[in-house]
N, C-alpha and C. Protein backbone atom coordinates (compact mmCIF):
# COMPACT_ATOMS: atom_id res chain seq x y z
N MET A 1 0.84 -1.25 0.07
CA MET A 1 0.11 -0.07 0.04
C MET A 1 0.82 1.35 -0.01
N GLY A 2 1.92 1.35 0.63
CA GLY A 2 2.99 2.16 0.72
C GLY A 2 3.62 2.56 -0.65
N ILE A 3 3.83 1.50 -1.29
CA ILE A 3 4.13 1.67 -2.66
C ILE A 3 3.25 2.39 -3.80
N THR A 4 1.82 2.08 -3.62
CA THR A 4 1.07 2.64 -4.35
C THR A 4 0.96 4.30 -3.97
N PHE A 5 0.95 4.73 -2.78
CA PHE A 5 0.79 6.05 -2.38
C PHE A 5 2.13 6.78 -2.89
N GLY A 6 3.25 6.16 -2.77
CA GLY A 6 4.56 6.86 -2.99
C GLY A 6 4.62 6.95 -4.31
N SER A 7 4.11 6.01 -5.24
CA SER A 7 4.28 5.97 -6.58
C SER A 7 3.01 7.17 -7.51
N CYS A 8 1.97 7.40 -6.74
CA CYS A 8 1.08 8.03 -7.09
C CYS A 8 1.59 9.66 -6.89
N THR A 9 2.32 9.55 -5.78
CA THR A 9 2.73 11.18 -5.48
C THR A 9 3.55 11.56 -6.18
N ALA A 10 4.60 10.50 -6.73
CA ALA A 10 5.44 11.01 -7.61
C ALA A 10 5.06 11.26 -8.71
N MET A 11 4.07 10.34 -9.37
CA MET A 11 3.29 10.46 -10.66
C MET A 11 2.79 11.97 -10.59
N ILE A 12 2.24 12.45 -9.67
CA ILE A 12 1.82 13.72 -9.66
C ILE A 12 2.71 14.75 -10.01
N LEU A 13 4.13 14.60 -9.26
CA LEU A 13 4.93 15.82 -9.54
C LEU A 13 5.36 15.53 -11.14
N ALA A 14 5.45 14.28 -11.71
CA ALA A 14 5.79 14.08 -12.98
C ALA A 14 4.83 14.87 -14.12
N LEU A 15 3.52 14.45 -13.80
CA LEU A 15 2.63 15.22 -14.41
C LEU A 15 2.56 16.88 -14.54
N TYR A 16 2.73 17.26 -13.43
CA TYR A 16 3.00 18.66 -13.04
C TYR A 16 4.31 19.00 -13.95
N LEU A 17 5.17 18.46 -13.94
CA LEU A 17 6.52 19.02 -14.71
C LEU A 17 6.37 18.86 -16.13
N TYR A 18 5.75 17.73 -16.76
CA TYR A 18 5.32 17.60 -17.96
C TYR A 18 4.20 18.37 -18.67
N LEU A 19 3.36 18.64 -17.77
CA LEU A 19 2.30 19.83 -18.60
C LEU A 19 2.50 21.01 -18.49
N THR A 20 3.46 21.49 -17.82
CA THR A 20 3.91 22.94 -17.40
C THR A 20 5.36 23.34 -18.08
N ARG A 21 5.71 22.67 -18.69
CA ARG A 21 7.09 22.69 -19.45
C ARG A 21 7.03 23.99 -20.09
N SER A 22 6.12 24.65 -21.07
CA SER A 22 6.43 25.79 -21.65
C SER A 22 6.06 26.84 -20.66
N ALA A 23 5.05 26.92 -19.67
CA ALA A 23 4.84 28.21 -18.71
C ALA A 23 6.21 28.26 -17.71
N ARG A 24 6.78 26.92 -17.28
CA ARG A 24 7.91 27.17 -16.42
C ARG A 24 9.01 27.83 -17.21
N GLN A 25 9.13 27.14 -18.48
CA GLN A 25 10.32 28.09 -19.33
C GLN A 25 10.19 29.48 -19.37
N ALA A 26 8.77 30.09 -19.24
CA ALA A 26 8.39 31.27 -19.57
C ALA A 26 8.60 32.01 -18.17
N ARG A 27 9.08 31.20 -16.98
CA ARG A 27 9.30 31.79 -15.82
C ARG A 27 8.09 32.17 -15.36
N ASN A 28 6.75 31.40 -15.50
CA ASN A 28 5.32 31.77 -14.92
C ASN A 28 5.72 31.42 -13.07
N VAL A 29 5.46 32.54 -12.57
CA VAL A 29 5.74 32.58 -10.85
C VAL A 29 4.34 31.87 -10.47
N PRO A 30 3.49 32.35 -10.71
CA PRO A 30 2.26 31.58 -10.09
C PRO A 30 2.28 30.16 -10.25
N LEU A 31 2.25 29.66 -11.57
CA LEU A 31 2.48 28.49 -11.79
C LEU A 31 3.36 27.56 -11.05
N ILE A 32 4.70 28.26 -10.97
CA ILE A 32 5.71 27.57 -10.44
C ILE A 32 5.66 27.47 -8.68
N SER A 33 4.87 28.46 -8.32
CA SER A 33 4.40 28.46 -6.91
C SER A 33 3.33 27.21 -6.61
N LEU A 34 2.67 27.10 -7.64
CA LEU A 34 1.32 26.26 -7.32
C LEU A 34 2.10 24.82 -7.30
N GLY A 35 3.23 24.63 -8.05
CA GLY A 35 3.84 23.29 -8.26
C GLY A 35 4.41 22.93 -6.81
N TYR A 36 4.90 23.87 -6.04
CA TYR A 36 5.41 23.57 -4.97
C TYR A 36 4.20 22.91 -3.86
N PHE A 37 3.01 23.91 -4.01
CA PHE A 37 2.14 23.61 -2.87
C PHE A 37 1.50 22.00 -3.12
N LEU A 38 1.25 21.87 -4.60
CA LEU A 38 0.72 20.82 -5.34
C LEU A 38 1.75 19.56 -4.66
N PHE A 39 3.00 19.61 -4.98
CA PHE A 39 3.85 18.36 -4.38
C PHE A 39 3.83 18.25 -3.20
N GLY A 40 3.93 19.36 -2.17
CA GLY A 40 3.83 19.29 -0.96
C GLY A 40 2.79 19.05 -0.14
N GLY A 41 1.44 19.33 -0.65
CA GLY A 41 0.51 18.71 -0.53
C GLY A 41 -0.05 17.57 -0.55
N SER A 42 0.37 16.87 -1.82
CA SER A 42 0.52 15.53 -2.08
C SER A 42 0.99 14.57 -1.45
N ALA A 43 2.33 14.88 -1.03
CA ALA A 43 3.08 14.43 -0.57
C ALA A 43 2.82 13.95 1.17
N LEU A 44 2.28 14.99 1.65
CA LEU A 44 1.79 15.24 3.11
C LEU A 44 0.65 14.65 3.33
N GLY A 45 -0.28 14.77 2.19
CA GLY A 45 -1.52 14.30 2.27
C GLY A 45 -1.68 12.78 2.18
N GLY A 46 -0.84 12.21 1.02
CA GLY A 46 -0.59 10.96 1.01
C GLY A 46 -0.16 10.18 2.37
N MET A 47 0.84 10.57 2.88
CA MET A 47 1.39 10.06 4.32
C MET A 47 0.14 10.14 5.21
N LEU A 48 -0.67 11.19 5.16
CA LEU A 48 -1.56 11.29 6.47
C LEU A 48 -2.83 10.23 6.07
N VAL A 49 -3.24 10.10 4.69
CA VAL A 49 -4.12 9.00 4.27
C VAL A 49 -3.61 7.84 4.51
N LEU A 50 -2.64 7.58 4.25
CA LEU A 50 -1.63 6.30 4.53
C LEU A 50 -1.80 5.61 6.05
N LEU A 51 -1.42 6.83 6.84
CA LEU A 51 -1.49 6.36 8.54
C LEU A 51 -2.76 6.22 8.75
N GLY A 52 -3.84 7.01 8.18
CA GLY A 52 -5.03 6.79 8.21
C GLY A 52 -5.83 5.61 8.34
N ILE A 53 -5.18 4.91 7.25
CA ILE A 53 -5.75 3.58 6.54
C ILE A 53 -5.05 2.62 7.56
N CYS A 54 -3.68 2.83 7.87
CA CYS A 54 -3.09 1.79 8.80
C CYS A 54 -3.77 1.95 10.18
N ASP A 55 -4.37 2.90 10.65
CA ASP A 55 -4.87 3.20 12.16
C ASP A 55 -6.09 2.26 11.82
N ARG A 56 -7.21 2.55 10.77
CA ARG A 56 -8.24 1.81 10.84
C ARG A 56 -8.29 0.53 10.48
N SER A 57 -7.21 -0.23 9.95
CA SER A 57 -6.89 -1.69 9.58
C SER A 57 -6.17 -2.20 10.78
N GLY A 58 -6.08 -1.75 11.90
CA GLY A 58 -5.64 -2.28 13.22
C GLY A 58 -4.06 -2.44 13.33
N VAL A 59 -3.22 -1.71 12.37
CA VAL A 59 -1.82 -1.66 12.37
C VAL A 59 -1.45 -0.94 13.51
N ALA A 60 -0.70 -1.47 14.70
CA ALA A 60 0.01 -0.61 15.55
C ALA A 60 0.83 0.29 15.02
N ARG A 61 0.93 1.45 15.88
CA ARG A 61 2.18 2.44 15.53
C ARG A 61 3.36 1.91 15.46
N GLN A 62 3.88 1.33 16.45
CA GLN A 62 5.45 0.90 16.49
C GLN A 62 5.58 -0.44 16.23
N SER A 63 4.83 -0.98 15.44
CA SER A 63 5.08 -2.18 14.87
C SER A 63 5.77 -2.31 13.50
N SER A 64 6.31 -3.65 13.31
CA SER A 64 7.30 -3.50 12.10
C SER A 64 6.51 -3.35 10.83
N GLU A 65 4.84 -3.73 10.84
CA GLU A 65 4.30 -3.74 9.60
C GLU A 65 3.70 -1.98 9.42
N HIS A 66 3.97 -1.40 10.25
CA HIS A 66 3.77 0.15 10.33
C HIS A 66 4.90 0.81 9.67
N TYR A 67 6.08 0.33 10.06
CA TYR A 67 7.42 0.93 9.69
C TYR A 67 7.65 0.38 8.16
N LEU A 68 6.95 -0.86 7.88
CA LEU A 68 7.34 -0.90 6.40
C LEU A 68 6.42 -0.47 5.52
N VAL A 69 5.29 -0.27 6.24
CA VAL A 69 4.41 0.82 5.14
C VAL A 69 5.26 1.98 4.99
N LEU A 70 5.58 2.73 6.03
CA LEU A 70 6.07 3.92 5.91
C LEU A 70 7.30 3.85 5.03
N TYR A 71 8.31 3.01 5.34
CA TYR A 71 9.43 3.06 4.57
C TYR A 71 9.38 2.58 2.94
N SER A 72 8.23 1.79 2.86
CA SER A 72 8.10 1.27 1.16
C SER A 72 7.13 2.84 0.72
N TYR A 73 6.62 3.59 1.15
CA TYR A 73 6.15 4.98 0.83
C TYR A 73 7.36 5.94 0.40
N ALA A 74 8.16 6.04 1.60
CA ALA A 74 9.48 6.74 1.32
C ALA A 74 10.32 6.44 0.23
N ALA A 75 10.46 5.18 0.07
CA ALA A 75 11.31 4.41 -0.88
C ALA A 75 10.88 4.64 -2.27
N SER A 76 9.38 4.59 -2.48
CA SER A 76 9.16 4.55 -3.60
C SER A 76 8.80 6.04 -4.01
N LEU A 77 8.43 6.71 -2.94
CA LEU A 77 8.37 8.48 -3.65
C LEU A 77 9.89 8.96 -3.98
N ALA A 78 10.65 8.47 -3.03
CA ALA A 78 12.22 8.91 -3.54
C ALA A 78 12.57 8.36 -4.71
N ILE A 79 12.41 7.38 -5.10
CA ILE A 79 12.87 6.59 -6.56
C ILE A 79 11.87 7.46 -7.74
N GLY A 80 10.79 7.51 -7.53
CA GLY A 80 9.91 8.24 -8.16
C GLY A 80 10.46 9.70 -8.71
N VAL A 81 10.80 10.35 -7.85
CA VAL A 81 11.08 11.79 -7.79
C VAL A 81 12.38 11.83 -8.54
N LEU A 82 13.39 10.80 -8.19
CA LEU A 82 14.56 10.91 -8.83
C LEU A 82 14.55 10.55 -10.18
N LEU A 83 13.66 9.42 -11.02
CA LEU A 83 13.50 9.42 -12.01
C LEU A 83 12.72 10.70 -12.85
N THR A 84 11.80 11.23 -12.13
CA THR A 84 11.00 12.31 -12.59
C THR A 84 11.99 13.58 -12.70
N VAL A 85 13.03 13.94 -11.97
CA VAL A 85 13.90 14.80 -11.95
C VAL A 85 14.99 14.71 -12.85
N ARG A 86 15.49 13.38 -13.04
CA ARG A 86 16.51 12.95 -14.33
C ARG A 86 15.69 13.05 -15.76
N ALA A 87 14.61 12.67 -15.79
CA ALA A 87 13.82 13.25 -16.99
C ALA A 87 13.65 14.63 -17.58
N GLU A 88 13.56 15.28 -16.33
CA GLU A 88 13.23 16.79 -16.53
C GLU A 88 14.84 17.29 -16.99
N ILE A 89 15.88 16.94 -16.36
CA ILE A 89 16.99 17.57 -16.73
C ILE A 89 17.49 17.00 -18.29
N LYS A 90 17.14 15.89 -18.08
CA LYS A 90 17.56 15.19 -19.92
C LYS A 90 16.54 16.48 -20.82
N TRP A 91 15.53 16.62 -20.44
CA TRP A 91 14.52 17.18 -21.37
C TRP A 91 15.30 18.65 -21.55
N ARG A 92 15.58 19.24 -20.56
CA ARG A 92 16.39 20.31 -20.46
C ARG A 92 17.35 20.82 -21.37
N LYS A 93 18.19 19.49 -21.35
CA LYS A 93 19.72 19.57 -22.02
C LYS A 93 19.16 19.44 -23.31
N ALA A 94 18.24 18.47 -23.96
CA ALA A 94 18.01 18.35 -25.08
C ALA A 94 17.21 19.67 -25.80
N ARG A 95 16.68 20.38 -24.97
CA ARG A 95 15.96 21.73 -25.49
C ARG A 95 16.99 22.75 -25.61
N GLY A 96 18.05 22.78 -24.63
CA GLY A 96 18.78 23.75 -24.80
C GLY A 96 18.55 25.09 -23.99
N SER A 97 17.52 24.61 -22.74
CA SER A 97 16.90 25.67 -21.99
C SER A 97 18.09 26.18 -21.06
N HIS A 98 18.46 27.41 -21.48
CA HIS A 98 19.55 28.29 -20.69
C HIS A 98 18.90 29.59 -20.37
N GLY A 99 17.46 29.58 -20.14
CA GLY A 99 17.09 30.87 -19.50
C GLY A 99 16.36 31.58 -20.70
N ALA A 100 16.85 31.54 -22.03
CA ALA A 100 16.12 32.11 -23.04
C ALA A 100 14.80 31.77 -23.05
N VAL A 101 13.91 32.61 -23.52
CA VAL A 101 12.46 32.46 -23.50
C VAL A 101 12.38 32.86 -25.15
N GLY A 102 11.72 31.88 -25.77
CA GLY A 102 11.28 32.45 -27.35
C GLY A 102 12.37 32.56 -28.04
N GLY A 103 13.61 31.97 -27.61
CA GLY A 103 14.77 32.27 -28.79
C GLY A 103 15.59 33.66 -28.38
N MET A 104 15.01 34.49 -27.61
CA MET A 104 15.56 35.99 -27.12
C MET A 104 16.44 35.89 -26.07
N THR A 105 17.39 36.34 -26.04
CA THR A 105 18.35 36.58 -24.86
C THR A 105 18.20 37.78 -24.15
N LYS A 106 18.76 37.62 -22.91
CA LYS A 106 18.36 39.09 -22.01
C LYS A 106 19.50 39.99 -22.38
């Protein structure tokens, strides 16, 4: 269950980065700020939902099952974020994004 929630949170970040590439390249500050809140909220929200599900299913807070769920969430989120950031860096290198917008330099 932790793997599912961690992967979904990383997928939200990946979708945000993919769908907002042109706006981020144009330095759209409100959209960039939205991304920070979106990722932070989904990461924290996923963790809280996961803890709630564990409590309702009878998993004790200090048990090995509880820690297994939390560590699997953290590991899958970390792997997903690393892969997403790696893809973003590759895209920026391929596009030649050096801060110029629309081919114009400062």
